[in-house]
Amino acid sequence: MSNSVIDQVLVREIEARAARLDSDEFVEFSFAGEPAAGHFCCVVCGRNVTCVGLLPPCSDCGSRLWEEPRTSPFAVREPSPAQDAYEQWIEDDLDSTARAFVAFPLAIVLGLTFWAFLATVLSVAYAVIR
């Protein structure tokens, strides 16, 4: 079966289930190729994507049907490797920024000490030459 046939079957099944649900339990679906911005979950395999632009087909299973992860029973709750890498990068960036703020007062003290030492040496050298 091609992906479009599978998508049509899935849409029919989802529409049939949605007809049985109360109006407050309605879940909106998006199709690949539609303009979208936000986080989406593949209805078939649960892959999470973040999209700004046109929704792509799912890179894992090829499905073209998406929904929001917070309303999806199919959503994969484990963070993706890209999300883990991003969160690690943010944490490393915060750590390096904190180290820079700790080192800043030390740099000022060492810089002032160096310039005071240099001024003293130059004044002594100038007094000796005179």
Foldseek 3Di string as FASTA:
>chain_A
DDQVVVQVVVVVVLVVVQVVDDPVLDWDKDFFQDADAAWKADLPQQDIDGDHGGHHQDPPPRHGIITHQVSHPRHDPDDDPVVVVVVVVVVVVVVVVVVCVVCVVVVVVVVVVVVVVVVVVVVVVVVVVD
